[in-house]
């Protein structure tokens, strides 16, 4: 039969929150379930690396400045006011 006991674990010992488990007469199998918050830090991509990887999509032999100019021209078309 499984029993559940809640505790806070600080890396060295348990601090029981409610009922303390009875002292076992023999070894017992214990499963520890931890509620761990994961912090994922997304790094911002380097725009020049991104553009370098997409360079072939914009035609051969273009510089990053030329590609930037094309993107800016497209962006200005998308952002124009439509009547």
Protein backbone atom coordinates (compact mmCIF):
# COMPACT_ATOMS: atom_id res chain seq x y z
CA UNK A 1 0.00 0.00 0.00
CA UNK A 2 1.29 3.45 -0.87
CA UNK A 3 1.30 6.29 1.64
CA UNK A 4 1.86 9.98 0.88
CA UNK A 5 3.79 12.32 3.18
CA UNK A 6 4.54 15.94 2.32
CA UNK A 7 7.86 17.53 3.15
CA UNK A 8 10.17 20.33 2.09
CA UNK A 9 13.59 19.08 1.08
CA UNK A 10 16.48 21.54 1.33
CA UNK A 11 19.11 19.30 -0.22
CA UNK A 12 20.17 17.66 3.04
CA UNK A 13 17.08 16.89 5.08
CA UNK A 14 13.30 16.77 4.99
CA UNK A 15 11.04 19.12 6.95
CA UNK A 16 7.71 17.31 7.30
CA UNK A 17 4.68 19.53 6.65
CA UNK A 18 1.93 17.33 8.07
CA UNK A 19 2.03 13.78 9.33
CA UNK A 20 5.50 12.34 9.96
CA UNK A 21 5.93 8.89 8.42
CA UNK A 22 6.35 6.03 10.89
CA UNK A 23 9.86 4.69 11.44
CA UNK A 24 10.13 1.62 9.23
CA UNK A 25 11.09 -1.75 10.68
CA UNK A 26 12.93 -2.60 7.47
CA UNK A 27 14.08 -0.82 4.35
CA UNK A 28 11.32 0.81 2.36
CA UNK A 29 11.19 1.85 -1.24
CA UNK A 30 10.76 5.64 -1.51
CA UNK A 31 9.80 7.67 -4.59
CA UNK A 32 10.54 11.36 -4.45
CA UNK A 33 8.33 13.61 -6.58
CA UNK A 34 9.70 17.14 -6.82
CA UNK A 35 7.79 20.23 -7.90
CA UNK A 36 10.55 22.13 -9.67
CA UNK A 37 9.95 25.32 -11.62
CA UNK A 38 12.04 25.46 -14.73
CA UNK A 39 13.25 28.81 -15.91
CA UNK A 40 13.97 28.83 -19.59
CA UNK A 41 15.87 31.84 -20.79
CA UNK A 42 15.50 32.33 -24.48
CA UNK A 43 18.45 34.06 -25.98
CA UNK A 44 17.77 36.63 -28.65
CA UNK A 45 19.08 35.54 -32.03
CA UNK A 46 21.83 37.55 -33.62
CA UNK A 47 20.13 39.19 -36.60
CA UNK A 48 23.25 39.02 -38.74
CA UNK A 49 23.55 35.26 -38.15
CA UNK A 50 19.89 34.79 -39.03
CA UNK A 51 20.28 36.81 -42.21
CA UNK A 52 23.49 34.96 -43.07
CA UNK A 53 21.59 31.63 -42.86
CA UNK A 54 18.83 32.96 -45.12
CA UNK A 55 21.18 34.59 -47.59
CA UNK A 56 20.49 32.11 -50.40
CA UNK A 57 16.76 32.78 -50.20
CA UNK A 58 17.27 36.39 -51.28
CA UNK A 59 19.42 35.65 -54.33
CA UNK A 60 23.09 35.02 -54.86
CA UNK A 61 25.85 37.47 -54.14
CA UNK A 62 23.89 40.00 -52.06
CA UNK A 63 25.43 41.65 -49.04
CA UNK A 64 23.73 41.88 -45.66
CA UNK A 65 23.15 45.59 -46.28
CA UNK A 66 21.34 44.84 -49.55
CA UNK A 67 19.18 42.22 -47.86
CA UNK A 68 18.42 44.65 -45.00
CA UNK A 69 17.34 47.26 -47.55
CA UNK A 70 15.00 44.75 -49.26
CA UNK A 71 13.48 43.73 -45.94
CA UNK A 72 12.95 47.37 -44.96
CA UNK A 73 11.27 48.08 -48.30
CA UNK A 74 8.94 45.10 -47.83
CA UNK A 75 8.20 46.14 -44.26
CA UNK A 76 7.27 49.67 -45.37
CA UNK A 77 4.85 48.16 -47.92
CA UNK A 78 3.24 45.98 -45.22
CA UNK A 79 2.92 48.89 -42.79
CA UNK A 80 1.49 51.41 -45.24
CA UNK A 81 -2.01 52.72 -44.55
CA UNK A 82 -4.65 51.16 -46.74
CA UNK A 83 -7.64 53.31 -47.62
